[in-house]
Amino acid sequence: MSDVFDLLTKFPVLIGIIIGTFSTVIGSILALITTIITNRSQRHREREQWTREKVQEIYSNSIASLTILSANHSLLSLLSKEFANALKWLNILLIYQPQKYKEEFVTLPEEVNLFSSQDWKRLAEKYKNLKLYSDIDIVGQADALIAVKGLLTRIIKLASVDKRLHG
């Protein structure tokens, strides 16, 4: 041990080289760890932003398509392109729902299924029973209109509670 001490005291440059090398290695490791943490956090933020934008696009396109259908309820059978577009966005909305089993989202797959099969009577009954509208006069309106407006109201309510949009 004293031989090493004697050697180091005779060659102070050797001490500087050893300490410098050790410091460089530790600094490089810390810089690498910092870079990894920063990149990971940036990727996470970018992923959240991408998800927020996609979910916002899905909700807005679903709402827009359903709004067009509800505004043209007398032509519902003639609006097959808009119906297909609404159905596309509703199905994409189902795919992007991570909280499928939360209370607000539990019945959405069934509602979209009734919408896609154009079972207006059952869908309208469902929305009448849920009392989704207080501001819509549903007396005398066709089941198709009630179903479309009910689904539109549901999608708007889902968007208002979706934490991915308001995170």
N, C-alpha and C. Protein backbone atom coordinates (compact mmCIF):
# COMPACT_ATOMS: atom_id res chain seq x y z
N MET A 1 0.82 -1.18 0.00
CA MET A 1 0.00 0.00 0.00
C MET A 1 0.87 1.25 0.00
N SER A 2 1.96 1.22 0.77
CA SER A 2 2.84 2.39 0.82
C SER A 2 3.57 2.57 -0.50
N ASP A 3 3.74 1.47 -1.26
CA ASP A 3 4.38 1.59 -2.58
C ASP A 3 3.49 2.39 -3.53
N VAL A 4 2.19 2.14 -3.45
CA VAL A 4 1.26 2.87 -4.31
C VAL A 4 1.25 4.34 -3.92
N PHE A 5 1.25 4.62 -2.61
CA PHE A 5 1.25 6.00 -2.13
C PHE A 5 2.54 6.70 -2.57
N ASP A 6 3.65 6.02 -2.45
CA ASP A 6 4.92 6.61 -2.88
C ASP A 6 4.91 6.90 -4.38
N LEU A 7 4.33 5.97 -5.13
CA LEU A 7 4.27 6.13 -6.58
C LEU A 7 3.41 7.33 -6.95
N LEU A 8 2.27 7.46 -6.26
CA LEU A 8 1.36 8.56 -6.56
C LEU A 8 1.94 9.91 -6.15
N THR A 9 2.71 9.95 -5.06
CA THR A 9 3.30 11.22 -4.63
C THR A 9 4.45 11.62 -5.54
N LYS A 10 5.10 10.64 -6.16
CA LYS A 10 6.20 10.96 -7.07
C LYS A 10 5.67 11.43 -8.42
N PHE A 11 4.46 10.96 -8.77
CA PHE A 11 3.89 11.32 -10.07
C PHE A 11 2.51 11.96 -9.87
N PRO A 12 2.45 13.22 -9.50
CA PRO A 12 1.17 13.88 -9.26
C PRO A 12 0.31 13.97 -10.53
N VAL A 13 0.96 13.92 -11.68
CA VAL A 13 0.21 13.96 -12.93
C VAL A 13 -0.65 12.70 -13.05
N LEU A 14 -0.14 11.58 -12.56
CA LEU A 14 -0.88 10.32 -12.59
C LEU A 14 -2.16 10.43 -11.76
N ILE A 15 -2.07 11.11 -10.62
CA ILE A 15 -3.25 11.34 -9.79
C ILE A 15 -4.28 12.16 -10.57
N GLY A 16 -3.82 13.19 -11.24
CA GLY A 16 -4.72 14.03 -12.04
C GLY A 16 -5.38 13.25 -13.16
N ILE A 17 -4.62 12.37 -13.79
CA ILE A 17 -5.18 11.56 -14.88
C ILE A 17 -6.25 10.61 -14.34
N ILE A 18 -5.97 9.96 -13.23
CA ILE A 18 -6.93 9.01 -12.65
C ILE A 18 -8.20 9.73 -12.21
N ILE A 19 -8.05 10.84 -11.51
CA ILE A 19 -9.22 11.59 -11.04
C ILE A 19 -10.00 12.16 -12.22
N GLY A 20 -9.29 12.67 -13.21
CA GLY A 20 -9.95 13.22 -14.40
C GLY A 20 -10.73 12.16 -15.16
N THR A 21 -10.13 10.98 -15.31
CA THR A 21 -10.81 9.88 -16.01
C THR A 21 -12.05 9.45 -15.23
N PHE A 22 -11.91 9.30 -13.93
CA PHE A 22 -13.03 8.90 -13.08
C PHE A 22 -14.16 9.94 -13.16
N SER A 23 -13.81 11.21 -13.09
CA SER A 23 -14.81 12.28 -13.16
C SER A 23 -15.51 12.29 -14.52
N THR A 24 -14.75 12.07 -15.57
CA THR A 24 -15.33 12.05 -16.92
C THR A 24 -16.32 10.90 -17.08
N VAL A 25 -15.95 9.73 -16.57
CA VAL A 25 -16.84 8.57 -16.67
C VAL A 25 -18.13 8.83 -15.89
N ILE A 26 -18.02 9.34 -14.68
CA ILE A 26 -19.21 9.62 -13.87
C ILE A 26 -20.06 10.71 -14.53
N GLY A 27 -19.44 11.75 -15.04
CA GLY A 27 -20.17 12.82 -15.73
C GLY A 27 -20.90 12.31 -16.96
N SER A 28 -20.23 11.44 -17.71
CA SER A 28 -20.86 10.87 -18.92
C SER A 28 -22.06 10.01 -18.55
N ILE A 29 -21.92 9.22 -17.50
CA ILE A 29 -23.03 8.36 -17.07
C ILE A 29 -24.21 9.23 -16.62
N LEU A 30 -23.95 10.27 -15.85
CA LEU A 30 -25.02 11.16 -15.41
C LEU A 30 -25.68 11.88 -16.59
N ALA A 31 -24.88 12.32 -17.56
CA ALA A 31 -25.44 12.98 -18.75
C ALA A 31 -26.31 12.01 -19.54
N LEU A 32 -25.87 10.76 -19.65
CA LEU A 32 -26.64 9.75 -20.36
C LEU A 32 -27.97 9.49 -19.66
N ILE A 33 -27.94 9.37 -18.35
CA ILE A 33 -29.17 9.15 -17.57
C ILE A 33 -30.12 10.33 -17.74
N THR A 34 -29.59 11.54 -17.67
CA THR A 34 -30.42 12.74 -17.84
C THR A 34 -31.04 12.77 -19.23
N THR A 35 -30.26 12.44 -20.25
CA THR A 35 -30.78 12.43 -21.62
C THR A 35 -31.88 11.39 -21.78
N ILE A 36 -31.68 10.22 -21.21
CA ILE A 36 -32.69 9.16 -21.30
C ILE A 36 -33.99 9.60 -20.63
N ILE A 37 -33.89 10.18 -19.44
CA ILE A 37 -35.08 10.64 -18.72
C ILE A 37 -35.78 11.75 -19.50
N THR A 38 -35.03 12.70 -20.03
CA THR A 38 -35.61 13.80 -20.80
C THR A 38 -36.31 13.29 -22.05
N ASN A 39 -35.65 12.40 -22.78
CA ASN A 39 -36.26 11.86 -24.00
C ASN A 39 -37.53 11.07 -23.70
N ARG A 40 -37.50 10.31 -22.63
CA ARG A 40 -38.67 9.51 -22.26
C ARG A 40 -39.84 10.43 -21.89
N SER A 41 -39.55 11.45 -21.12
CA SER A 41 -40.62 12.36 -20.72
C SER A 41 -41.15 13.15 -21.92
N GLN A 42 -40.27 13.52 -22.84
CA GLN A 42 -40.71 14.23 -24.04
C GLN A 42 -41.58 13.32 -24.92
N ARG A 43 -41.19 12.06 -25.08
CA ARG A 43 -42.02 11.12 -25.85
C ARG A 43 -43.39 10.94 -25.20
N HIS A 44 -43.42 10.90 -23.88
CA HIS A 44 -44.69 10.76 -23.16
C HIS A 44 -45.59 11.97 -23.41
N ARG A 45 -45.01 13.18 -23.33
CA ARG A 45 -45.78 14.40 -23.58
C ARG A 45 -46.29 14.44 -25.02
N GLU A 46 -45.42 14.05 -25.97
CA GLU A 46 -45.83 14.04 -27.37
C GLU A 46 -46.94 13.03 -27.61
N ARG A 47 -46.86 11.88 -26.96
CA ARG A 47 -47.90 10.85 -27.10
C ARG A 47 -49.23 11.35 -26.52
N GLU A 48 -49.17 12.00 -25.37
CA GLU A 48 -50.39 12.57 -24.78
C GLU A 48 -51.01 13.62 -25.70
N GLN A 49 -50.16 14.48 -26.26
CA GLN A 49 -50.64 15.52 -27.17
C GLN A 49 -51.26 14.91 -28.42
N TRP A 50 -50.61 13.89 -28.98
CA TRP A 50 -51.12 13.20 -30.17
C TRP A 50 -52.48 12.56 -29.85
N THR A 51 -52.56 11.89 -28.70
CA THR A 51 -53.81 11.25 -28.30
C THR A 51 -54.90 12.29 -28.11
N ARG A 52 -54.58 13.39 -27.46
CA ARG A 52 -55.56 14.46 -27.24
C ARG A 52 -56.09 14.98 -28.58
N GLU A 53 -55.18 15.22 -29.53
CA GLU A 53 -55.59 15.73 -30.84
C GLU A 53 -56.45 14.71 -31.59
N LYS A 54 -56.07 13.44 -31.54
CA LYS A 54 -56.84 12.39 -32.24
C LYS A 54 -58.22 12.23 -31.62
N VAL A 55 -58.27 12.19 -30.30
CA VAL A 55 -59.57 12.02 -29.63
C VAL A 55 -60.45 13.23 -29.90
N GLN A 56 -59.86 14.42 -29.90
CA GLN A 56 -60.63 15.62 -30.21
C GLN A 56 -61.17 15.56 -31.64
N GLU A 57 -60.34 15.10 -32.58
CA GLU A 57 -60.78 14.94 -33.96
C GLU A 57 -61.92 13.93 -34.07
N ILE A 58 -61.79 12.83 -33.36
CA ILE A 58 -62.82 11.78 -33.40
C ILE A 58 -64.15 12.30 -32.85
N TYR A 59 -64.09 12.95 -31.69
CA TYR A 59 -65.32 13.50 -31.11
C TYR A 59 -65.93 14.56 -32.04
N SER A 60 -65.11 15.47 -32.54
CA SER A 60 -65.67 16.54 -33.37
C SER A 60 -66.26 16.00 -34.67
N ASN A 61 -65.62 15.01 -35.28
CA ASN A 61 -66.19 14.43 -36.50
C ASN A 61 -67.45 13.63 -36.21
N SER A 62 -67.49 12.94 -35.08
CA SER A 62 -68.71 12.22 -34.69
C SER A 62 -69.86 13.20 -34.49
N ILE A 63 -69.57 14.25 -33.76
CA ILE A 63 -70.60 15.27 -33.47
C ILE A 63 -71.05 15.95 -34.76
N ALA A 64 -70.10 16.29 -35.63
CA ALA A 64 -70.45 16.95 -36.90
C ALA A 64 -71.34 16.06 -37.76
N SER A 65 -70.98 14.80 -37.88
CA SER A 65 -71.78 13.87 -38.71
C SER A 65 -73.18 13.67 -38.13
N LEU A 66 -73.26 13.50 -36.82
CA LEU A 66 -74.57 13.32 -36.19
C LEU A 66 -75.41 14.59 -36.28
N THR A 67 -74.76 15.75 -36.22
CA THR A 67 -75.48 17.02 -36.35
C THR A 67 -76.08 17.15 -37.74
N ILE A 68 -75.31 16.78 -38.75
CA ILE A 68 -75.83 16.83 -40.12
C ILE A 68 -77.01 15.88 -40.27
N LEU A 69 -76.89 14.69 -39.71
CA LEU A 69 -77.99 13.73 -39.79
C LEU A 69 -79.23 14.23 -39.05
N SER A 70 -79.03 14.84 -37.89
CA SER A 70 -80.20 15.31 -37.13
C SER A 70 -80.85 16.52 -37.78
N ALA A 71 -80.06 17.32 -38.48
CA ALA A 71 -80.62 18.49 -39.16
C ALA A 71 -81.41 18.08 -40.40
N ASN A 72 -81.07 16.95 -40.97
CA ASN A 72 -81.73 16.49 -42.20
C ASN A 72 -82.49 15.20 -41.95
N HIS A 73 -83.21 15.14 -40.84
CA HIS A 73 -83.85 13.88 -40.45
C HIS A 73 -84.86 13.37 -41.46
N SER A 74 -85.48 14.26 -42.22
CA SER A 74 -86.46 13.79 -43.20
C SER A 74 -85.77 13.10 -44.37
N LEU A 75 -84.50 13.38 -44.55
CA LEU A 75 -83.74 12.78 -45.64
C LEU A 75 -82.79 11.70 -45.14
N LEU A 76 -83.04 11.19 -43.93
CA LEU A 76 -82.10 10.25 -43.31
C LEU A 76 -81.77 9.07 -44.20
N SER A 77 -82.76 8.54 -44.88
CA SER A 77 -82.48 7.39 -45.74
C SER A 77 -81.67 7.79 -46.97
N LEU A 78 -81.74 9.07 -47.35
CA LEU A 78 -80.99 9.52 -48.53
C LEU A 78 -79.56 9.92 -48.19
N LEU A 79 -79.26 10.01 -46.92
CA LEU A 79 -77.94 10.48 -46.50
C LEU A 79 -77.03 9.30 -46.16
N SER A 80 -76.99 8.33 -47.03
CA SER A 80 -76.21 7.13 -46.72
C SER A 80 -74.72 7.46 -46.55
N LYS A 81 -74.23 8.43 -47.31
CA LYS A 81 -72.81 8.81 -47.19
C LYS A 81 -72.54 9.40 -45.80
N GLU A 82 -73.41 10.29 -45.36
CA GLU A 82 -73.23 10.90 -44.04
C GLU A 82 -73.47 9.89 -42.93
N PHE A 83 -74.42 8.98 -43.15
CA PHE A 83 -74.65 7.91 -42.17
C PHE A 83 -73.40 7.05 -42.04
N ALA A 84 -72.81 6.68 -43.17
CA ALA A 84 -71.58 5.86 -43.16
C ALA A 84 -70.44 6.62 -42.49
N ASN A 85 -70.37 7.91 -42.73
CA ASN A 85 -69.33 8.73 -42.11
C ASN A 85 -69.52 8.79 -40.60
N ALA A 86 -70.75 8.99 -40.16
CA ALA A 86 -71.03 9.02 -38.72
C ALA A 86 -70.70 7.68 -38.09
N LEU A 87 -71.08 6.62 -38.76
CA LEU A 87 -70.81 5.27 -38.25
C LEU A 87 -69.31 5.01 -38.15
N LYS A 88 -68.58 5.47 -39.15
CA LYS A 88 -67.11 5.31 -39.13
C LYS A 88 -66.52 5.99 -37.90
N TRP A 89 -66.91 7.24 -37.66
CA TRP A 89 -66.33 7.97 -36.53
C TRP A 89 -66.80 7.41 -35.19
N LEU A 90 -68.02 6.92 -35.12
CA LEU A 90 -68.50 6.30 -33.88
C LEU A 90 -67.73 5.02 -33.58
N ASN A 91 -67.45 4.23 -34.60
CA ASN A 91 -66.67 3.01 -34.39
C ASN A 91 -65.23 3.32 -34.01
N ILE A 92 -64.66 4.35 -34.61
CA ILE A 92 -63.31 4.76 -34.21
C ILE A 92 -63.32 5.24 -32.77
N LEU A 93 -64.38 5.93 -32.38
CA LEU A 93 -64.52 6.37 -30.99
C LEU A 93 -64.53 5.17 -30.05
N LEU A 94 -65.22 4.11 -30.43
CA LEU A 94 -65.23 2.89 -29.61
C LEU A 94 -63.83 2.30 -29.49
N ILE A 95 -63.09 2.31 -30.58
CA ILE A 95 -61.73 1.75 -30.56
C ILE A 95 -60.83 2.54 -29.61
N TYR A 96 -60.99 3.85 -29.60
CA TYR A 96 -60.11 4.70 -28.79
C TYR A 96 -60.58 4.89 -27.35
N GLN A 97 -61.60 4.18 -26.92
CA GLN A 97 -62.07 4.33 -25.55
C GLN A 97 -61.28 3.42 -24.62
N PRO A 98 -60.36 3.96 -23.84
CA PRO A 98 -59.61 3.12 -22.91
C PRO A 98 -60.43 2.79 -21.67
N GLN A 99 -61.45 3.57 -21.43
CA GLN A 99 -62.25 3.42 -20.22
C GLN A 99 -63.58 2.78 -20.55
N LYS A 100 -63.54 1.72 -21.34
CA LYS A 100 -64.77 1.08 -21.83
C LYS A 100 -65.69 0.65 -20.69
N TYR A 101 -65.12 0.38 -19.55
CA TYR A 101 -65.92 -0.16 -18.46
C TYR A 101 -66.30 0.88 -17.43
N LYS A 102 -65.98 2.13 -17.69
CA LYS A 102 -66.45 3.19 -16.81
C LYS A 102 -67.94 3.40 -17.07
N GLU A 103 -68.60 3.90 -16.10
CA GLU A 103 -70.06 4.04 -16.14
C GLU A 103 -70.56 4.78 -17.38
N GLU A 104 -69.87 5.84 -17.76
CA GLU A 104 -70.33 6.66 -18.88
C GLU A 104 -70.23 5.92 -20.21
N PHE A 105 -69.30 4.96 -20.31
CA PHE A 105 -69.01 4.33 -21.59
C PHE A 105 -69.59 2.93 -21.74
N VAL A 106 -70.17 2.38 -20.68
CA VAL A 106 -70.60 0.97 -20.69
C VAL A 106 -71.58 0.68 -21.82
N THR A 107 -72.57 1.52 -22.01
CA THR A 107 -73.61 1.21 -22.99
C THR A 107 -73.32 1.76 -24.39
N LEU A 108 -72.22 2.47 -24.55
CA LEU A 108 -71.92 3.06 -25.86
C LEU A 108 -71.78 2.02 -26.97
N PRO A 109 -71.10 0.89 -26.77
CA PRO A 109 -71.03 -0.10 -27.86
C PRO A 109 -72.41 -0.59 -28.31
N GLU A 110 -73.30 -0.79 -27.36
CA GLU A 110 -74.67 -1.22 -27.71
C GLU A 110 -75.39 -0.14 -28.50
N GLU A 111 -75.21 1.11 -28.10
CA GLU A 111 -75.87 2.22 -28.79
C GLU A 111 -75.35 2.36 -30.22
N VAL A 112 -74.04 2.23 -30.38
CA VAL A 112 -73.46 2.31 -31.73
C VAL A 112 -73.94 1.14 -32.57
N ASN A 113 -74.07 -0.03 -31.95
CA ASN A 113 -74.58 -1.19 -32.67
C ASN A 113 -76.02 -0.97 -33.14
N LEU A 114 -76.85 -0.43 -32.27
CA LEU A 114 -78.24 -0.13 -32.66
C LEU A 114 -78.27 0.92 -33.76
N PHE A 115 -77.38 1.90 -33.67
CA PHE A 115 -77.30 2.93 -34.70
C PHE A 115 -76.88 2.32 -36.03
N SER A 116 -75.87 1.45 -36.00
CA SER A 116 -75.37 0.86 -37.25
C SER A 116 -76.39 -0.06 -37.90
N SER A 117 -77.19 -0.72 -37.08
CA SER A 117 -78.23 -1.60 -37.64
C SER A 117 -79.51 -0.82 -37.96
N GLN A 118 -79.48 0.47 -37.71
CA GLN A 118 -80.60 1.38 -37.95
C GLN A 118 -81.87 0.92 -37.22
N ASP A 119 -81.65 0.42 -36.02
CA ASP A 119 -82.78 0.01 -35.17
C ASP A 119 -83.23 1.25 -34.39
N TRP A 120 -83.85 2.17 -35.13
CA TRP A 120 -84.20 3.48 -34.57
C TRP A 120 -85.16 3.36 -33.40
N LYS A 121 -86.10 2.44 -33.50
CA LYS A 121 -87.13 2.32 -32.46
C LYS A 121 -86.49 1.96 -31.11
N ARG A 122 -85.62 0.94 -31.08
CA ARG A 122 -84.99 0.54 -29.82
C ARG A 122 -84.04 1.61 -29.30
N LEU A 123 -83.32 2.24 -30.20
CA LEU A 123 -82.39 3.30 -29.78
C LEU A 123 -83.17 4.51 -29.25
N ALA A 124 -84.26 4.85 -29.91
CA ALA A 124 -85.09 5.97 -29.45
C ALA A 124 -85.69 5.66 -28.09
N GLU A 125 -86.15 4.43 -27.89
CA GLU A 125 -86.71 4.03 -26.59
C GLU A 125 -85.65 4.15 -25.50
N LYS A 126 -84.45 3.73 -25.82
CA LYS A 126 -83.35 3.80 -24.85
C LYS A 126 -83.13 5.25 -24.42
N TYR A 127 -83.11 6.16 -25.39
CA TYR A 127 -82.86 7.57 -25.06
C TYR A 127 -84.06 8.21 -24.38
N LYS A 128 -85.26 7.79 -24.72
CA LYS A 128 -86.44 8.31 -24.02
C LYS A 128 -86.39 7.88 -22.56
N ASN A 129 -85.99 6.62 -22.32
CA ASN A 129 -85.91 6.12 -20.94
C ASN A 129 -84.80 6.81 -20.16
N LEU A 130 -83.72 7.16 -20.83
CA LEU A 130 -82.61 7.84 -20.15
C LEU A 130 -82.92 9.31 -19.90
N LYS A 131 -83.98 9.81 -20.53
CA LYS A 131 -84.37 11.22 -20.40
C LYS A 131 -83.18 12.13 -20.71
N LEU A 132 -82.58 11.89 -21.87
CA LEU A 132 -81.40 12.66 -22.26
C LEU A 132 -81.71 14.10 -22.59
N TYR A 133 -82.93 14.34 -23.02
CA TYR A 133 -83.19 15.70 -23.42
C TYR A 133 -84.22 16.36 -22.54
N SER A 134 -83.92 17.54 -22.16
CA SER A 134 -84.94 18.34 -21.49
C SER A 134 -85.34 19.46 -22.44
N ASP A 135 -84.48 19.79 -23.37
CA ASP A 135 -84.73 20.92 -24.26
C ASP A 135 -85.25 20.49 -25.63
N ILE A 136 -85.35 19.19 -25.88
CA ILE A 136 -85.80 18.72 -27.18
C ILE A 136 -87.22 18.19 -27.05
N ASP A 137 -88.09 18.67 -27.89
CA ASP A 137 -89.47 18.18 -27.89
C ASP A 137 -89.51 16.88 -28.68
N ILE A 138 -89.69 15.76 -27.98
CA ILE A 138 -89.65 14.47 -28.66
C ILE A 138 -91.03 13.95 -29.01
N VAL A 139 -92.06 14.66 -28.63
CA VAL A 139 -93.41 14.21 -28.94
C VAL A 139 -93.64 14.40 -30.44
N GLY A 140 -94.02 13.33 -31.09
CA GLY A 140 -94.34 13.41 -32.51
C GLY A 140 -93.14 13.33 -33.44
N GLN A 141 -91.95 13.28 -32.90
CA GLN A 141 -90.78 13.17 -33.78
C GLN A 141 -90.54 11.72 -34.14
N ALA A 142 -90.00 11.51 -35.29
CA ALA A 142 -89.71 10.16 -35.76
C ALA A 142 -88.65 9.52 -34.88
N ASP A 143 -88.74 8.20 -34.76
CA ASP A 143 -87.76 7.47 -33.94
C ASP A 143 -86.34 7.70 -34.42
N ALA A 144 -86.16 7.81 -35.73
CA ALA A 144 -84.81 8.02 -36.28
C ALA A 144 -84.23 9.34 -35.77
N LEU A 145 -85.03 10.37 -35.75
CA LEU A 145 -84.55 11.67 -35.28
C LEU A 145 -84.24 11.62 -33.79
N ILE A 146 -85.11 10.99 -33.02
CA ILE A 146 -84.87 10.87 -31.58
C ILE A 146 -83.58 10.09 -31.34
N ALA A 147 -83.39 9.01 -32.10
CA ALA A 147 -82.19 8.19 -31.94
C ALA A 147 -80.93 8.97 -32.27
N VAL A 148 -80.96 9.70 -33.38
CA VAL A 148 -79.77 10.46 -33.79
C VAL A 148 -79.49 11.58 -32.80
N LYS A 149 -80.52 12.31 -32.39
CA LYS A 149 -80.31 13.39 -31.43
C LYS A 149 -79.88 12.85 -30.07
N GLY A 150 -80.42 11.71 -29.69
CA GLY A 150 -80.00 11.10 -28.43
C GLY A 150 -78.54 10.68 -28.46
N LEU A 151 -78.13 10.07 -29.56
CA LEU A 151 -76.73 9.67 -29.69
C LEU A 151 -75.82 10.89 -29.73
N LEU A 152 -76.26 11.93 -30.41
CA LEU A 152 -75.50 13.18 -30.45
C LEU A 152 -75.32 13.74 -29.04
N THR A 153 -76.39 13.76 -28.27
CA THR A 153 -76.32 14.24 -26.88
C THR A 153 -75.37 13.39 -26.06
N ARG A 154 -75.43 12.07 -26.25
CA ARG A 154 -74.54 11.15 -25.52
C ARG A 154 -73.08 11.42 -25.85
N ILE A 155 -72.77 11.61 -27.13
CA ILE A 155 -71.38 11.84 -27.54
C ILE A 155 -70.88 13.15 -26.95
N ILE A 156 -71.72 14.17 -26.94
CA ILE A 156 -71.32 15.46 -26.35
C ILE A 156 -71.05 15.29 -24.86
N LYS A 157 -71.91 14.54 -24.17
CA LYS A 157 -71.69 14.30 -22.73
C LYS A 157 -70.42 13.49 -22.49
N LEU A 158 -70.17 12.50 -23.34
CA LEU A 158 -68.95 11.70 -23.19
C LEU A 158 -67.72 12.57 -23.38
N ALA A 159 -67.77 13.46 -24.37
CA ALA A 159 -66.63 14.35 -24.61
C ALA A 159 -66.38 15.26 -23.41
N SER A 160 -67.45 15.65 -22.74
CA SER A 160 -67.27 16.55 -21.60
C SER A 160 -66.64 15.87 -20.39
N VAL A 161 -66.73 14.53 -20.31
CA VAL A 161 -66.14 13.83 -19.17
C VAL A 161 -64.87 13.06 -19.53
N ASP A 162 -64.49 13.07 -20.79
CA ASP A 162 -63.29 12.34 -21.22
C ASP A 162 -62.05 13.08 -20.74
N LYS A 163 -61.33 12.49 -19.82
CA LYS A 163 -60.17 13.13 -19.20
C LYS A 163 -59.03 13.35 -20.19
N ARG A 164 -59.00 12.59 -21.27
CA ARG A 164 -57.94 12.77 -22.26
C ARG A 164 -58.05 14.10 -22.98
N LEU A 165 -59.25 14.67 -23.03
CA LEU A 165 -59.44 15.96 -23.67
C LEU A 165 -59.17 17.12 -22.72
N HIS A 166 -59.31 16.86 -21.45
CA HIS A 166 -59.21 17.94 -20.46
C HIS A 166 -58.04 17.75 -19.52
N GLY A 167 -57.09 16.89 -19.91
CA GLY A 167 -55.97 16.56 -19.04
C GLY A 167 -54.96 17.62 -19.01
